[in-house]
């Protein structure tokens, strides 16, 4: 069953909301859809099972979701570069696909600056495309 987040941003069991936040879904659309297709990304967001959520306390978090549509072969989804400013700190995103699991990573270029409740914040992401930077708030 899909999960939602508690007050601290930690995914909680028992809700029918997506495991992913609005900005995470946008990042998945940009980074993962070119590899798996938009309909597969939508299915993972709707039907994925939370495996782990790990706030590193140093500068980001990892969110791992299992779904049978995620391929076994390792794929690193990191282009185009997707960044965000969170409390003034520059953060980036990368997604790993492997062995039926999707791992979403949020990391910072300034360790210690990502708050634990990051997943509850309004985040503006920047897409570094060949046509120039674009912004979208989520």
C-alpha atoms as a PDB file:
ATOM      1  CA  UNK A   1       0.000   0.000   0.000  1.00  0.00           C
ATOM      2  CA  UNK A   2       1.386   3.468  -0.823  1.00  0.00           C
ATOM      3  CA  UNK A   3       2.545   5.633   2.037  1.00  0.00           C
ATOM      4  CA  UNK A   4       2.528   9.291   3.018  1.00  0.00           C
ATOM      5  CA  UNK A   5       4.903  11.324   5.154  1.00  0.00           C
ATOM      6  CA  UNK A   6       4.683  12.173   8.839  1.00  0.00           C
ATOM      7  CA  UNK A   7       5.426  15.640  10.220  1.00  0.00           C
ATOM      8  CA  UNK A   8       9.175  15.035   9.979  1.00  0.00           C
ATOM      9  CA  UNK A   9       9.036  13.906   6.324  1.00  0.00           C
ATOM     10  CA  UNK A  10       9.415  10.200   7.137  1.00  0.00           C
ATOM     11  CA  UNK A  11       7.159   8.012   4.987  1.00  0.00           C
ATOM     12  CA  UNK A  12       4.350   6.448   7.000  1.00  0.00           C
ATOM     13  CA  UNK A  13       2.398   3.273   6.313  1.00  0.00           C
ATOM     14  CA  UNK A  14      -1.345   3.203   5.866  1.00  0.00           C
ATOM     15  CA  UNK A  15      -2.149   6.132   3.583  1.00  0.00           C
ATOM     16  CA  UNK A  16      -3.399   5.979  -0.003  1.00  0.00           C
ATOM     17  CA  UNK A  17      -1.197   8.923  -0.988  1.00  0.00           C
ATOM     18  CA  UNK A  18       1.865   8.471  -3.164  1.00  0.00           C
ATOM     19  CA  UNK A  19       5.125   7.538  -1.500  1.00  0.00           C
ATOM     20  CA  UNK A  20       6.672  10.393  -3.452  1.00  0.00           C
ATOM     21  CA  UNK A  21       6.213  14.138  -2.943  1.00  0.00           C
ATOM     22  CA  UNK A  22       5.295  16.452  -5.829  1.00  0.00           C
ATOM     23  CA  UNK A  23       8.897  17.532  -6.390  1.00  0.00           C
ATOM     24  CA  UNK A  24      10.129  13.918  -6.226  1.00  0.00           C
ATOM     25  CA  UNK A  25       7.558  12.942  -8.860  1.00  0.00           C
ATOM     26  CA  UNK A  26       8.807  15.747 -11.114  1.00  0.00           C
ATOM     27  CA  UNK A  27      12.410  14.580 -10.637  1.00  0.00           C
ATOM     28  CA  UNK A  28      11.330  11.014 -11.508  1.00  0.00           C
ATOM     29  CA  UNK A  29       9.611  12.296 -14.662  1.00  0.00           C
ATOM     30  CA  UNK A  30      12.791  14.058 -15.737  1.00  0.00           C
ATOM     31  CA  UNK A  31      15.373  11.437 -14.750  1.00  0.00           C
ATOM     32  CA  UNK A  32      13.599   8.061 -14.954  1.00  0.00           C
ATOM     33  CA  UNK A  33      10.898   8.406 -17.623  1.00  0.00           C
ATOM     34  CA  UNK A  34      13.487   8.503 -20.446  1.00  0.00           C
ATOM     35  CA  UNK A  35      14.691   5.057 -19.281  1.00  0.00           C
ATOM     36  CA  UNK A  36      11.422   3.345 -18.323  1.00  0.00           C
ATOM     37  CA  UNK A  37       8.661   5.422 -19.916  1.00  0.00           C
ATOM     38  CA  UNK A  38       6.154   7.759 -18.285  1.00  0.00           C
ATOM     39  CA  UNK A  39       3.504   5.062 -17.737  1.00  0.00           C
ATOM     40  CA  UNK A  40       5.989   2.851 -15.871  1.00  0.00           C
ATOM     41  CA  UNK A  41       7.069   5.770 -13.678  1.00  0.00           C
ATOM     42  CA  UNK A  42       3.394   6.447 -12.936  1.00  0.00           C
ATOM     43  CA  UNK A  43       2.854   2.782 -12.012  1.00  0.00           C
ATOM     44  CA  UNK A  44       5.872   2.813  -9.683  1.00  0.00           C
ATOM     45  CA  UNK A  45       4.581   5.993  -8.012  1.00  0.00           C
ATOM     46  CA  UNK A  46       1.081   4.517  -7.569  1.00  0.00           C
ATOM     47  CA  UNK A  47       1.895   0.912  -6.750  1.00  0.00           C
ATOM     48  CA  UNK A  48       5.445   0.935  -5.371  1.00  0.00           C
ATOM     49  CA  UNK A  49       6.164  -0.551  -1.956  1.00  0.00           C
ATOM     50  CA  UNK A  50       8.308   1.424   0.472  1.00  0.00           C
ATOM     51  CA  UNK A  51      11.504  -0.478   1.257  1.00  0.00           C
ATOM     52  CA  UNK A  52      13.506   2.123   3.193  1.00  0.00           C
ATOM     53  CA  UNK A  53      13.741   5.819   3.921  1.00  0.00           C
ATOM     54  CA  UNK A  54      17.073   7.024   5.291  1.00  0.00           C
ATOM     55  CA  UNK A  55      17.646  10.651   6.222  1.00  0.00           C
ATOM     56  CA  UNK A  56      21.426  10.729   6.364  1.00  0.00           C
ATOM     57  CA  UNK A  57      21.665  13.625   8.804  1.00  0.00           C
ATOM     58  CA  UNK A  58      24.710  14.777   6.848  1.00  0.00           C
ATOM     59  CA  UNK A  59      23.221  16.217   3.733  1.00  0.00           C
ATOM     60  CA  UNK A  60      20.255  14.460   2.226  1.00  0.00           C
ATOM     61  CA  UNK A  61      18.236  11.264   2.120  1.00  0.00           C
ATOM     62  CA  UNK A  62      17.638   8.003   0.289  1.00  0.00           C
ATOM     63  CA  UNK A  63      14.145   6.705  -0.493  1.00  0.00           C
ATOM     64  CA  UNK A  64      13.916   3.148  -1.836  1.00  0.00           C
ATOM     65  CA  UNK A  65      10.758   1.711  -3.401  1.00  0.00           C
ATOM     66  CA  UNK A  66      10.215  -1.785  -4.812  1.00  0.00           C
ATOM     67  CA  UNK A  67       8.168  -2.470  -7.926  1.00  0.00           C
ATOM     68  CA  UNK A  68       8.256  -5.359 -10.422  1.00  0.00           C
ATOM     69  CA  UNK A  69       8.666  -2.923 -13.353  1.00  0.00           C
ATOM     70  CA  UNK A  70      12.057  -1.763 -12.107  1.00  0.00           C
ATOM     71  CA  UNK A  71      14.724  -3.654 -14.081  1.00  0.00           C
ATOM     72  CA  UNK A  72      17.324  -5.937 -12.535  1.00  0.00           C
ATOM     73  CA  UNK A  73      20.228  -4.363 -14.402  1.00  0.00           C
ATOM     74  CA  UNK A  74      21.690  -1.311 -12.627  1.00  0.00           C
ATOM     75  CA  UNK A  75      20.900   2.028 -14.254  1.00  0.00           C
ATOM     76  CA  UNK A  76      21.981   5.381 -12.825  1.00  0.00           C
ATOM     77  CA  UNK A  77      19.616   8.191 -13.802  1.00  0.00           C
ATOM     78  CA  UNK A  78      21.442  11.475 -13.347  1.00  0.00           C
ATOM     79  CA  UNK A  79      20.916  13.473 -16.545  1.00  0.00           C
ATOM     80  CA  UNK A  80      19.850  16.096 -17.136  1.00  0.00           C
ATOM     81  CA  UNK A  81      21.169  17.543 -13.897  1.00  0.00           C
ATOM     82  CA  UNK A  82      18.294  18.405 -11.565  1.00  0.00           C
ATOM     83  CA  UNK A  83      19.023  20.729  -8.639  1.00  0.00           C
ATOM     84  CA  UNK A  84      17.105  22.663  -5.987  1.00  0.00           C
ATOM     85  CA  UNK A  85      17.772  25.367  -3.424  1.00  0.00           C
ATOM     86  CA  UNK A  86      16.721  24.186   0.018  1.00  0.00           C
ATOM     87  CA  UNK A  87      17.181  26.689   2.841  1.00  0.00           C
ATOM     88  CA  UNK A  88      19.755  28.376   0.611  1.00  0.00           C
ATOM     89  CA  UNK A  89      21.768  25.191   0.046  1.00  0.00           C
ATOM     90  CA  UNK A  90      22.240  23.740  -3.421  1.00  0.00           C
ATOM     91  CA  UNK A  91      21.001  20.138  -3.633  1.00  0.00           C
ATOM     92  CA  UNK A  92      20.976  17.572  -6.408  1.00  0.00           C
ATOM     93  CA  UNK A  93      19.068  14.403  -7.238  1.00  0.00           C
ATOM     94  CA  UNK A  94      19.980  11.033  -8.698  1.00  0.00           C
ATOM     95  CA  UNK A  95      17.917   7.856  -9.090  1.00  0.00           C
ATOM     96  CA  UNK A  96      19.275   4.308  -9.078  1.00  0.00           C
ATOM     97  CA  UNK A  97      17.350   1.439 -10.672  1.00  0.00           C
ATOM     98  CA  UNK A  98      18.417  -2.092  -9.793  1.00  0.00           C
ATOM     99  CA  UNK A  99      17.059  -5.511  -8.787  1.00  0.00           C
ATOM    100  CA  UNK A 100      13.417  -4.415  -8.756  1.00  0.00           C
ATOM    101  CA  UNK A 101      14.100  -1.342  -6.619  1.00  0.00           C
ATOM    102  CA  UNK A 102      14.204   2.383  -7.336  1.00  0.00           C
ATOM    103  CA  UNK A 103      16.374   4.433  -4.979  1.00  0.00           C
ATOM    104  CA  UNK A 104      15.820   8.204  -5.023  1.00  0.00           C
ATOM    105  CA  UNK A 105      18.749  10.173  -3.615  1.00  0.00           C
ATOM    106  CA  UNK A 106      18.705  13.811  -2.562  1.00  0.00           C
ATOM    107  CA  UNK A 107      22.183  15.126  -1.758  1.00  0.00           C
ATOM    108  CA  UNK A 108      23.659  18.496  -0.970  1.00  0.00           C
ATOM    109  CA  UNK A 109      26.826  20.207  -2.042  1.00  0.00           C
ATOM    110  CA  UNK A 110      26.945  21.742   1.464  1.00  0.00           C
ATOM    111  CA  UNK A 111      26.822  18.882   4.036  1.00  0.00           C
ATOM    112  CA  UNK A 112      24.485  19.323   6.971  1.00  0.00           C
ATOM    113  CA  UNK A 113      22.222  21.856   5.305  1.00  0.00           C
ATOM    114  CA  UNK A 114      19.237  19.658   4.353  1.00  0.00           C
ATOM    115  CA  UNK A 115      16.624  19.745   7.138  1.00  0.00           C
ATOM    116  CA  UNK A 116      15.022  16.519   8.304  1.00  0.00           C
ATOM    117  CA  UNK A 117      11.592  17.771   7.205  1.00  0.00           C
ATOM    118  CA  UNK A 118      12.791  18.459   3.644  1.00  0.00           C
ATOM    119  CA  UNK A 119      10.036  16.322   2.145  1.00  0.00           C
ATOM    120  CA  UNK A 120       7.395  18.640   3.638  1.00  0.00           C
ATOM    121  CA  UNK A 121       8.897  21.825   2.209  1.00  0.00           C
ATOM    122  CA  UNK A 122       7.908  23.654  -0.959  1.00  0.00           C
ATOM    123  CA  UNK A 123      10.833  22.956  -3.268  1.00  0.00           C
ATOM    124  CA  UNK A 124      11.739  24.722  -6.498  1.00  0.00           C
ATOM    125  CA  UNK A 125      13.695  22.458  -8.806  1.00  0.00           C
ATOM    126  CA  UNK A 126      15.989  23.603 -11.589  1.00  0.00           C
ATOM    127  CA  UNK A 127      16.445  21.520 -14.707  1.00  0.00           C
ATOM    128  CA  UNK A 128      19.799  22.039 -16.395  1.00  0.00           C
ATOM    129  CA  UNK A 129      18.799  21.314 -19.970  1.00  0.00           C
ATOM    130  CA  UNK A 130      20.739  21.959 -23.147  1.00  0.00           C
ATOM    131  CA  UNK A 131      18.244  24.758 -23.898  1.00  0.00           C
ATOM    132  CA  UNK A 132      19.140  26.488 -20.615  1.00  0.00           C
ATOM    133  CA  UNK A 133      17.941  26.352 -17.005  1.00  0.00           C
ATOM    134  CA  UNK A 134      14.231  25.995 -16.282  1.00  0.00           C
ATOM    135  CA  UNK A 135      12.501  26.285 -12.900  1.00  0.00           C
ATOM    136  CA  UNK A 136       9.394  24.679 -11.452  1.00  0.00           C
ATOM    137  CA  UNK A 137       8.027  24.872  -7.901  1.00  0.00           C
ATOM    138  CA  UNK A 138       6.486  21.826  -6.175  1.00  0.00           C
END
